[in-house]
Amino acid sequence: MLINCLSAVLIYMKTDLYKIAISLLSQYGEEAQTIAMLRAAEYAANLDTDQWLYWEEIIKVIETIDINKTLDG
């Protein structure tokens, strides 16, 4: 039961990360990664480790999407 709950939470978090990454890419295009980096840096400067790590994950998702776009096209 606990494992199922943890899996559901991880799936939700991953989906949320992808939604944010896609939103940034549609709004900012090639600058999406830069915007995410600025957001991560802002949280790091404020010593908000949880949000900093969250935005670092979003940066990784954006990189993955960019790599997939390059491979597709």
PDB file of N, CA and C in Angstrom:
ATOM      1  N   MET A   1       0.826  -1.199   0.000  1.00  0.00           N
ATOM      2  CA  MET A   1       0.000   0.000   0.000  1.00  0.00           C
ATOM      3  C   MET A   1       0.865   1.255   0.000  1.00  0.00           C
ATOM      4  N   LEU A   2       1.875   1.293   0.887  1.00  0.00           N
ATOM      5  CA  LEU A   2       2.767   2.448   0.953  1.00  0.00           C
ATOM      6  C   LEU A   2       3.532   2.627  -0.348  1.00  0.00           C
ATOM      7  N   ILE A   3       3.962   1.511  -0.932  1.00  0.00           N
ATOM      8  CA  ILE A   3       4.713   1.576  -2.190  1.00  0.00           C
ATOM      9  C   ILE A   3       3.819   2.146  -3.293  1.00  0.00           C
ATOM     10  N   ASN A   4       2.558   1.741  -3.329  1.00  0.00           N
ATOM     11  CA  ASN A   4       1.625   2.272  -4.329  1.00  0.00           C
ATOM     12  C   ASN A   4       1.435   3.771  -4.162  1.00  0.00           C
ATOM     13  N   CYS A   5       1.345   4.229  -2.913  1.00  0.00           N
ATOM     14  CA  CYS A   5       1.190   5.664  -2.650  1.00  0.00           C
ATOM     15  C   CYS A   5       2.428   6.428  -3.098  1.00  0.00           C
ATOM     16  N   LEU A   6       3.599   5.881  -2.786  1.00  0.00           N
ATOM     17  CA  LEU A   6       4.841   6.536  -3.197  1.00  0.00           C
ATOM     18  C   LEU A   6       4.964   6.580  -4.714  1.00  0.00           C
ATOM     19  N   SER A   7       4.574   5.512  -5.373  1.00  0.00           N
ATOM     20  CA  SER A   7       4.612   5.491  -6.838  1.00  0.00           C
ATOM     21  C   SER A   7       3.690   6.551  -7.416  1.00  0.00           C
ATOM     22  N   ALA A   8       2.509   6.678  -6.843  1.00  0.00           N
ATOM     23  CA  ALA A   8       1.556   7.681  -7.318  1.00  0.00           C
ATOM     24  C   ALA A   8       2.112   9.088  -7.139  1.00  0.00           C
ATOM     25  N   VAL A   9       2.764   9.340  -6.016  1.00  0.00           N
ATOM     26  CA  VAL A   9       3.360  10.649  -5.765  1.00  0.00           C
ATOM     27  C   VAL A   9       4.464  10.931  -6.770  1.00  0.00           C
ATOM     28  N   LEU A  10       5.316   9.947  -7.042  1.00  0.00           N
ATOM     29  CA  LEU A  10       6.407  10.137  -8.003  1.00  0.00           C
ATOM     30  C   LEU A  10       5.868  10.391  -9.411  1.00  0.00           C
ATOM     31  N   ILE A  11       4.829   9.679  -9.795  1.00  0.00           N
ATOM     32  CA  ILE A  11       4.229   9.886 -11.118  1.00  0.00           C
ATOM     33  C   ILE A  11       3.641  11.296 -11.206  1.00  0.00           C
ATOM     34  N   TYR A  12       2.964  11.722 -10.149  1.00  0.00           N
ATOM     35  CA  TYR A  12       2.391  13.073 -10.130  1.00  0.00           C
ATOM     36  C   TYR A  12       3.494  14.121 -10.240  1.00  0.00           C
ATOM     37  N   MET A  13       4.584  13.945  -9.476  1.00  0.00           N
ATOM     38  CA  MET A  13       5.679  14.916  -9.508  1.00  0.00           C
ATOM     39  C   MET A  13       6.295  14.983 -10.893  1.00  0.00           C
ATOM     40  N   LYS A  14       6.503  13.824 -11.514  1.00  0.00           N
ATOM     41  CA  LYS A  14       7.108  13.796 -12.839  1.00  0.00           C
ATOM     42  C   LYS A  14       6.195  14.472 -13.864  1.00  0.00           C
ATOM     43  N   THR A  15       4.893  14.200 -13.759  1.00  0.00           N
ATOM     44  CA  THR A  15       3.927  14.830 -14.660  1.00  0.00           C
ATOM     45  C   THR A  15       3.946  16.337 -14.475  1.00  0.00           C
ATOM     46  N   ASP A  16       4.007  16.775 -13.227  1.00  0.00           N
ATOM     47  CA  ASP A  16       4.054  18.207 -12.921  1.00  0.00           C
ATOM     48  C   ASP A  16       5.315  18.844 -13.510  1.00  0.00           C
ATOM     49  N   LEU A  17       6.440  18.169 -13.386  1.00  0.00           N
ATOM     50  CA  LEU A  17       7.697  18.680 -13.945  1.00  0.00           C
ATOM     51  C   LEU A  17       7.577  18.840 -15.464  1.00  0.00           C
ATOM     52  N   TYR A  18       7.012  17.847 -16.127  1.00  0.00           N
ATOM     53  CA  TYR A  18       6.847  17.921 -17.575  1.00  0.00           C
ATOM     54  C   TYR A  18       5.898  19.034 -17.978  1.00  0.00           C
ATOM     55  N   LYS A  19       4.809  19.216 -17.234  1.00  0.00           N
ATOM     56  CA  LYS A  19       3.872  20.292 -17.547  1.00  0.00           C
ATOM     57  C   LYS A  19       4.551  21.651 -17.454  1.00  0.00           C
ATOM     58  N   ILE A  20       5.345  21.847 -16.401  1.00  0.00           N
ATOM     59  CA  ILE A  20       6.049  23.121 -16.233  1.00  0.00           C
ATOM     60  C   ILE A  20       7.079  23.307 -17.346  1.00  0.00           C
ATOM     61  N   ALA A  21       7.823  22.249 -17.653  1.00  0.00           N
ATOM     62  CA  ALA A  21       8.840  22.338 -18.708  1.00  0.00           C
ATOM     63  C   ALA A  21       8.206  22.680 -20.047  1.00  0.00           C
ATOM     64  N   ILE A  22       7.119  22.025 -20.381  1.00  0.00           N
ATOM     65  CA  ILE A  22       6.440  22.287 -21.649  1.00  0.00           C
ATOM     66  C   ILE A  22       5.863  23.703 -21.678  1.00  0.00           C
ATOM     67  N   SER A  23       5.331  24.133 -20.551  1.00  0.00           N
ATOM     68  CA  SER A  23       4.807  25.497 -20.462  1.00  0.00           C
ATOM     69  C   SER A  23       5.920  26.517 -20.699  1.00  0.00           C
ATOM     70  N   LEU A  24       7.066  26.301 -20.071  1.00  0.00           N
ATOM     71  CA  LEU A  24       8.202  27.209 -20.269  1.00  0.00           C
ATOM     72  C   LEU A  24       8.661  27.200 -21.726  1.00  0.00           C
ATOM     73  N   LEU A  25       8.730  26.015 -22.320  1.00  0.00           N
ATOM     74  CA  LEU A  25       9.156  25.923 -23.720  1.00  0.00           C
ATOM     75  C   LEU A  25       8.174  26.624 -24.647  1.00  0.00           C
ATOM     76  N   SER A  26       6.863  26.501 -24.370  1.00  0.00           N
ATOM     77  CA  SER A  26       5.910  27.190 -25.243  1.00  0.00           C
ATOM     78  C   SER A  26       5.935  28.688 -25.052  1.00  0.00           C
ATOM     79  N   GLN A  27       6.230  29.144 -23.837  1.00  0.00           N
ATOM     80  CA  GLN A  27       6.261  30.589 -23.580  1.00  0.00           C
ATOM     81  C   GLN A  27       7.566  31.231 -24.032  1.00  0.00           C
ATOM     82  N   TYR A  28       8.689  30.554 -23.759  1.00  0.00           N
ATOM     83  CA  TYR A  28       9.995  31.188 -23.957  1.00  0.00           C
ATOM     84  C   TYR A  28      10.843  30.553 -25.055  1.00  0.00           C
ATOM     85  N   GLY A  29      10.394  29.455 -25.626  1.00  0.00           N
ATOM     86  CA  GLY A  29      11.151  28.818 -26.699  1.00  0.00           C
ATOM     87  C   GLY A  29      12.550  28.422 -26.248  1.00  0.00           C
ATOM     88  N   GLU A  30      13.530  28.843 -27.035  1.00  0.00           N
ATOM     89  CA  GLU A  30      14.923  28.467 -26.760  1.00  0.00           C
ATOM     90  C   GLU A  30      15.437  29.023 -25.434  1.00  0.00           C
ATOM     91  N   GLU A  31      14.786  30.026 -24.910  1.00  0.00           N
ATOM     92  CA  GLU A  31      15.215  30.639 -23.647  1.00  0.00           C
ATOM     93  C   GLU A  31      14.624  29.955 -22.418  1.00  0.00           C
ATOM     94  N   ALA A  32      13.822  28.911 -22.609  1.00  0.00           N
ATOM     95  CA  ALA A  32      13.160  28.232 -21.483  1.00  0.00           C
ATOM     96  C   ALA A  32      14.151  27.718 -20.454  1.00  0.00           C
ATOM     97  N   GLN A  33      15.230  27.122 -20.925  1.00  0.00           N
ATOM     98  CA  GLN A  33      16.227  26.593 -19.987  1.00  0.00           C
ATOM     99  C   GLN A  33      16.875  27.729 -19.196  1.00  0.00           C
ATOM    100  N   THR A  34      17.142  28.835 -19.832  1.00  0.00           N
ATOM    101  CA  THR A  34      17.717  29.988 -19.141  1.00  0.00           C
ATOM    102  C   THR A  34      16.767  30.505 -18.069  1.00  0.00           C
ATOM    103  N   ILE A  35      15.489  30.592 -18.389  1.00  0.00           N
ATOM    104  CA  ILE A  35      14.493  31.046 -17.419  1.00  0.00           C
ATOM    105  C   ILE A  35      14.457  30.093 -16.230  1.00  0.00           C
ATOM    106  N   ALA A  36      14.470  28.793 -16.496  1.00  0.00           N
ATOM    107  CA  ALA A  36      14.464  27.798 -15.411  1.00  0.00           C
ATOM    108  C   ALA A  36      15.733  27.911 -14.563  1.00  0.00           C
ATOM    109  N   MET A  37      16.859  28.156 -15.204  1.00  0.00           N
ATOM    110  CA  MET A  37      18.112  28.317 -14.461  1.00  0.00           C
ATOM    111  C   MET A  37      18.069  29.548 -13.554  1.00  0.00           C
ATOM    112  N   LEU A  38      17.497  30.631 -14.072  1.00  0.00           N
ATOM    113  CA  LEU A  38      17.360  31.838 -13.253  1.00  0.00           C
ATOM    114  C   LEU A  38      16.467  31.583 -12.044  1.00  0.00           C
ATOM    115  N   ARG A  39      15.385  30.846 -12.262  1.00  0.00           N
ATOM    116  CA  ARG A  39      14.483  30.512 -11.163  1.00  0.00           C
ATOM    117  C   ARG A  39      15.198  29.634 -10.135  1.00  0.00           C
ATOM    118  N   ALA A  40      15.953  28.641 -10.609  1.00  0.00           N
ATOM    119  CA  ALA A  40      16.706  27.771  -9.706  1.00  0.00           C
ATOM    120  C   ALA A  40      17.738  28.582  -8.913  1.00  0.00           C
ATOM    121  N   ALA A  41      18.409  29.492  -9.595  1.00  0.00           N
ATOM    122  CA  ALA A  41      19.418  30.321  -8.927  1.00  0.00           C
ATOM    123  C   ALA A  41      18.787  31.216  -7.866  1.00  0.00           C
ATOM    124  N   GLU A  42      17.596  31.719  -8.156  1.00  0.00           N
ATOM    125  CA  GLU A  42      16.885  32.558  -7.192  1.00  0.00           C
ATOM    126  C   GLU A  42      16.582  31.779  -5.913  1.00  0.00           C
ATOM    127  N   TYR A  43      16.098  30.561  -6.076  1.00  0.00           N
ATOM    128  CA  TYR A  43      15.807  29.737  -4.896  1.00  0.00           C
ATOM    129  C   TYR A  43      17.080  29.330  -4.169  1.00  0.00           C
ATOM    130  N   ALA A  44      18.140  29.058  -4.912  1.00  0.00           N
ATOM    131  CA  ALA A  44      19.413  28.701  -4.281  1.00  0.00           C
ATOM    132  C   ALA A  44      19.948  29.873  -3.461  1.00  0.00           C
ATOM    133  N   ALA A  45      19.825  31.072  -4.013  1.00  0.00           N
ATOM    134  CA  ALA A  45      20.304  32.263  -3.299  1.00  0.00           C
ATOM    135  C   ALA A  45      19.512  32.508  -2.018  1.00  0.00           C
ATOM    136  N   ASN A  46      18.236  32.110  -2.039  1.00  0.00           N
ATOM    137  CA  ASN A  46      17.392  32.266  -0.850  1.00  0.00           C
ATOM    138  C   ASN A  46      17.474  31.063   0.081  1.00  0.00           C
ATOM    139  N   LEU A  47      18.380  30.122  -0.243  1.00  0.00           N
ATOM    140  CA  LEU A  47      18.597  28.909   0.556  1.00  0.00           C
ATOM    141  C   LEU A  47      17.340  28.050   0.680  1.00  0.00           C
ATOM    142  N   ASP A  48      16.491  28.099  -0.338  1.00  0.00           N
ATOM    143  CA  ASP A  48      15.296  27.257  -0.387  1.00  0.00           C
ATOM    144  C   ASP A  48      15.654  25.988  -1.169  1.00  0.00           C
ATOM    145  N   THR A  49      16.240  25.041  -0.468  1.00  0.00           N
ATOM    146  CA  THR A  49      16.791  23.844  -1.099  1.00  0.00           C
ATOM    147  C   THR A  49      15.741  23.033  -1.842  1.00  0.00           C
ATOM    148  N   ASP A  50      14.559  22.873  -1.265  1.00  0.00           N
ATOM    149  CA  ASP A  50      13.518  22.071  -1.910  1.00  0.00           C
ATOM    150  C   ASP A  50      13.136  22.645  -3.270  1.00  0.00           C
ATOM    151  N   GLN A  51      12.873  23.952  -3.322  1.00  0.00           N
ATOM    152  CA  GLN A  51      12.498  24.582  -4.588  1.00  0.00           C
ATOM    153  C   GLN A  51      13.672  24.631  -5.561  1.00  0.00           C
ATOM    154  N   TRP A  52      14.864  24.824  -5.040  1.00  0.00           N
ATOM    155  CA  TRP A  52      16.054  24.833  -5.898  1.00  0.00           C
ATOM    156  C   TRP A  52      16.184  23.477  -6.597  1.00  0.00           C
ATOM    157  N   LEU A  53      16.082  22.393  -5.838  1.00  0.00           N
ATOM    158  CA  LEU A  53      16.195  21.053  -6.423  1.00  0.00           C
ATOM    159  C   LEU A  53      15.049  20.769  -7.389  1.00  0.00           C
ATOM    160  N   TYR A  54      13.860  21.259  -7.069  1.00  0.00           N
ATOM    161  CA  TYR A  54      12.703  21.100  -7.942  1.00  0.00           C
ATOM    162  C   TYR A  54      12.979  21.737  -9.299  1.00  0.00           C
ATOM    163  N   TRP A  55      13.508  22.955  -9.292  1.00  0.00           N
ATOM    164  CA  TRP A  55      13.798  23.642 -10.552  1.00  0.00           C
ATOM    165  C   TRP A  55      14.986  23.032 -11.281  1.00  0.00           C
ATOM    166  N   GLU A  56      15.905  22.437 -10.540  1.00  0.00           N
ATOM    167  CA  GLU A  56      16.996  21.709 -11.195  1.00  0.00           C
ATOM    168  C   GLU A  56      16.433  20.517 -11.974  1.00  0.00           C
ATOM    169  N   GLU A  57      15.424  19.856 -11.424  1.00  0.00           N
ATOM    170  CA  GLU A  57      14.766  18.748 -12.124  1.00  0.00           C
ATOM    171  C   GLU A  57      14.049  19.247 -13.375  1.00  0.00           C
ATOM    172  N   ILE A  58      13.426  20.406 -13.282  1.00  0.00           N
ATOM    173  CA  ILE A  58      12.755  20.977 -14.454  1.00  0.00           C
ATOM    174  C   ILE A  58      13.784  21.266 -15.552  1.00  0.00           C
ATOM    175  N   ILE A  59      14.946  21.754 -15.172  1.00  0.00           N
ATOM    176  CA  ILE A  59      16.016  22.006 -16.145  1.00  0.00           C
ATOM    177  C   ILE A  59      16.389  20.707 -16.855  1.00  0.00           C
ATOM    178  N   LYS A  60      16.498  19.621 -16.103  1.00  0.00           N
ATOM    179  CA  LYS A  60      16.830  18.316 -16.704  1.00  0.00           C
ATOM    180  C   LYS A  60      15.746  17.876 -17.683  1.00  0.00           C
ATOM    181  N   VAL A  61      14.494  18.108 -17.334  1.00  0.00           N
ATOM    182  CA  VAL A  61      13.391  17.738 -18.233  1.00  0.00           C
ATOM    183  C   VAL A  61      13.465  18.563 -19.516  1.00  0.00           C
ATOM    184  N   ILE A  62      13.735  19.855 -19.390  1.00  0.00           N
ATOM    185  CA  ILE A  62      13.857  20.714 -20.576  1.00  0.00           C
ATOM    186  C   ILE A  62      14.994  20.213 -21.463  1.00  0.00           C
ATOM    187  N   GLU A  63      16.118  19.839 -20.859  1.00  0.00           N
ATOM    188  CA  GLU A  63      17.239  19.302 -21.635  1.00  0.00           C
ATOM    189  C   GLU A  63      16.831  18.030 -22.367  1.00  0.00           C
ATOM    190  N   THR A  64      16.083  17.168 -21.696  1.00  0.00           N
ATOM    191  CA  THR A  64      15.614  15.926 -22.310  1.00  0.00           C
ATOM    192  C   THR A  64      14.698  16.223 -23.486  1.00  0.00           C
ATOM    193  N   ILE A  65      13.796  17.156 -23.310  1.00  0.00           N
ATOM    194  CA  ILE A  65      12.879  17.517 -24.390  1.00  0.00           C
ATOM    195  C   ILE A  65      13.656  18.104 -25.551  1.00  0.00           C
ATOM    196  N   ASP A  66      14.648  18.948 -25.267  1.00  0.00           N
ATOM    197  CA  ASP A  66      15.480  19.525 -26.337  1.00  0.00           C
ATOM    198  C   ASP A  66      16.256  18.453 -27.076  1.00  0.00           C
ATOM    199  N   ILE A  67      16.797  17.473 -26.349  1.00  0.00           N
ATOM    200  CA  ILE A  67      17.550  16.398 -26.973  1.00  0.00           C
ATOM    201  C   ILE A  67      16.629  15.576 -27.860  1.00  0.00           C
ATOM    202  N   ASN A  68      15.425  15.271 -27.369  1.00  0.00           N
ATOM    203  CA  ASN A  68      14.464  14.495 -28.164  1.00  0.00           C
ATOM    204  C   ASN A  68      14.048  15.253 -29.413  1.00  0.00           C
ATOM    205  N   LYS A  69      13.887  16.579 -29.308  1.00  0.00           N
ATOM    206  CA  LYS A  69      13.519  17.403 -30.457  1.00  0.00           C
ATOM    207  C   LYS A  69      14.631  17.325 -31.503  1.00  0.00           C
ATOM    208  N   THR A  70      15.891  17.391 -31.067  1.00  0.00           N
ATOM    209  CA  THR A  70      17.028  17.324 -31.974  1.00  0.00           C
ATOM    210  C   THR A  70      17.077  15.965 -32.669  1.00  0.00           C
ATOM    211  N   LEU A  71      16.821  14.893 -31.929  1.00  0.00           N
ATOM    212  CA  LEU A  71      16.860  13.574 -32.500  1.00  0.00           C
ATOM    213  C   LEU A  71      15.707  13.347 -33.487  1.00  0.00           C
ATOM    214  N   ASP A  72      14.560  13.976 -33.224  1.00  0.00           N
ATOM    215  CA  ASP A  72      13.413  13.811 -34.108  1.00  0.00           C
ATOM    216  C   ASP A  72      13.572  14.591 -35.417  1.00  0.00           C
ATOM    217  N   GLY A  73      14.251  15.723 -35.364  1.00  0.00           N
ATOM    218  CA  GLY A  73      14.231  16.591 -36.509  1.00  0.00           C
ATOM    219  C   GLY A  73      15.480  16.671 -37.265  1.00  0.00           C
TER     220      GLY A  73
END
